[in-house]
Amino acid sequence: MADWLKIAIKTGLIIVIMVALWLCFTQIQLPPADFSILSSTGTILAVINFYCPVFLVVLAMAFGLFGIELALLSFRLVMMAVRWLMKVNE
């Protein structure tokens, strides 16, 4: 395959990915969040904290680990995309 064709394909892929990211972050409208169910959350957490004081620490750790897991998954997907884009240039 000619070098100019490889460069054109790679540039086209980069443009398509950038446009897709732009569409995801600017054009997709999310509905407004409804937090009416959270009106009694403070009371529930207070009761749980009274009977099981360690629960809030475990809950915070679970959310932290979930965030780390999401970060690692997204990093893995980005690295797969970069590897796939670099394959085009071979």
Protein backbone atom coordinates (compact mmCIF):
# COMPACT_ATOMS: atom_id res chain seq x y z
CA MET A 1 0.00 0.00 0.00
CA ALA A 2 1.32 3.45 -0.86
CA ASP A 3 2.55 5.67 1.96
CA TRP A 4 0.25 8.54 0.98
CA LEU A 5 -2.76 6.20 1.20
CA LYS A 6 -1.75 5.03 4.69
CA ILE A 7 -1.40 8.61 5.85
CA ALA A 8 -4.76 9.53 4.34
CA ILE A 9 -6.52 6.59 6.01
CA LYS A 10 -4.93 7.36 9.38
CA THR A 11 -5.87 11.04 9.12
CA GLY A 12 -9.42 10.09 8.17
CA LEU A 13 -9.72 7.76 11.14
CA ILE A 14 -8.45 10.45 13.49
CA ILE A 15 -10.98 12.93 12.09
CA VAL A 16 -13.84 10.43 12.46
CA ILE A 17 -12.87 9.67 16.08
CA MET A 18 -12.56 13.36 16.94
CA VAL A 19 -15.97 14.13 15.40
CA ALA A 20 -17.52 11.21 17.30
CA LEU A 21 -16.04 12.49 20.57
CA TRP A 22 -17.25 16.00 19.81
CA LEU A 23 -20.77 14.67 19.14
CA CYS A 24 -20.74 12.65 22.36
CA PHE A 25 -19.72 15.57 24.53
CA THR A 26 -21.66 18.42 22.90
CA GLN A 27 -24.68 17.18 21.01
CA ILE A 28 -26.13 14.37 23.15
CA GLN A 29 -28.70 15.81 25.55
CA LEU A 30 -29.19 14.13 28.90
CA PRO A 31 -32.53 14.40 30.70
CA PRO A 32 -32.53 16.34 33.96
CA ALA A 33 -31.78 14.24 37.02
CA ASP A 34 -34.56 13.61 39.54
CA PHE A 35 -33.22 13.58 43.09
CA SER A 36 -36.56 13.40 44.89
CA ILE A 37 -35.79 9.86 46.09
CA LEU A 38 -32.76 11.19 47.98
CA SER A 39 -34.80 13.24 50.44
CA SER A 40 -34.54 10.54 53.11
CA THR A 41 -30.97 9.49 52.35
CA GLY A 42 -29.58 11.36 55.36
CA THR A 43 -31.90 9.51 57.73
CA ILE A 44 -31.09 6.15 56.16
CA LEU A 45 -27.35 6.80 56.40
CA ALA A 46 -27.70 7.93 60.02
CA VAL A 47 -29.52 4.70 60.97
CA ILE A 48 -26.97 2.57 59.11
CA ASN A 49 -24.11 4.49 60.76
CA PHE A 50 -25.68 3.91 64.19
CA TYR A 51 -25.98 0.14 63.77
CA CYS A 52 -22.89 -0.45 61.58
CA PRO A 53 -20.38 2.39 61.89
CA VAL A 54 -17.92 0.81 59.44
CA PHE A 55 -20.46 0.82 56.59
CA LEU A 56 -19.74 4.40 55.50
CA VAL A 57 -16.01 3.63 55.24
CA VAL A 58 -16.75 0.51 53.20
CA LEU A 59 -19.15 2.49 51.00
CA ALA A 60 -16.54 5.20 50.36
CA MET A 61 -13.92 2.56 49.54
CA ALA A 62 -16.34 0.78 47.19
CA PHE A 63 -17.02 4.00 45.28
CA GLY A 64 -13.29 4.75 45.13
CA LEU A 65 -12.47 1.30 43.81
CA PHE A 66 -15.30 1.57 41.29
CA GLY A 67 -13.83 4.86 40.05
CA ILE A 68 -10.39 3.28 39.73
CA GLU A 69 -11.90 0.35 37.84
CA LEU A 70 -13.64 2.72 35.42
CA ALA A 71 -10.42 4.67 34.91
CA LEU A 72 -8.47 1.47 34.15
CA LEU A 73 -11.16 0.22 31.78
CA SER A 74 -11.26 3.50 29.88
CA PHE A 75 -7.43 3.58 29.72
CA ARG A 76 -7.44 0.04 28.32
CA LEU A 77 -10.00 0.97 25.67
CA VAL A 78 -8.03 4.06 24.67
CA MET A 79 -4.83 2.05 24.39
CA MET A 80 -6.63 -0.50 22.19
CA ALA A 81 -7.83 2.34 19.95
CA VAL A 82 -4.33 3.83 19.74
CA ARG A 83 -2.85 0.43 18.90
CA TRP A 84 -5.52 -0.05 16.23
CA LEU A 85 -4.75 3.37 14.74
CA MET A 86 -1.04 2.64 14.71
CA LYS A 87 -1.69 -0.64 12.85
CA VAL A 88 -2.97 1.42 9.93
CA ASN A 89 0.46 3.00 9.52
CA GLU A 90 2.30 -0.34 9.15
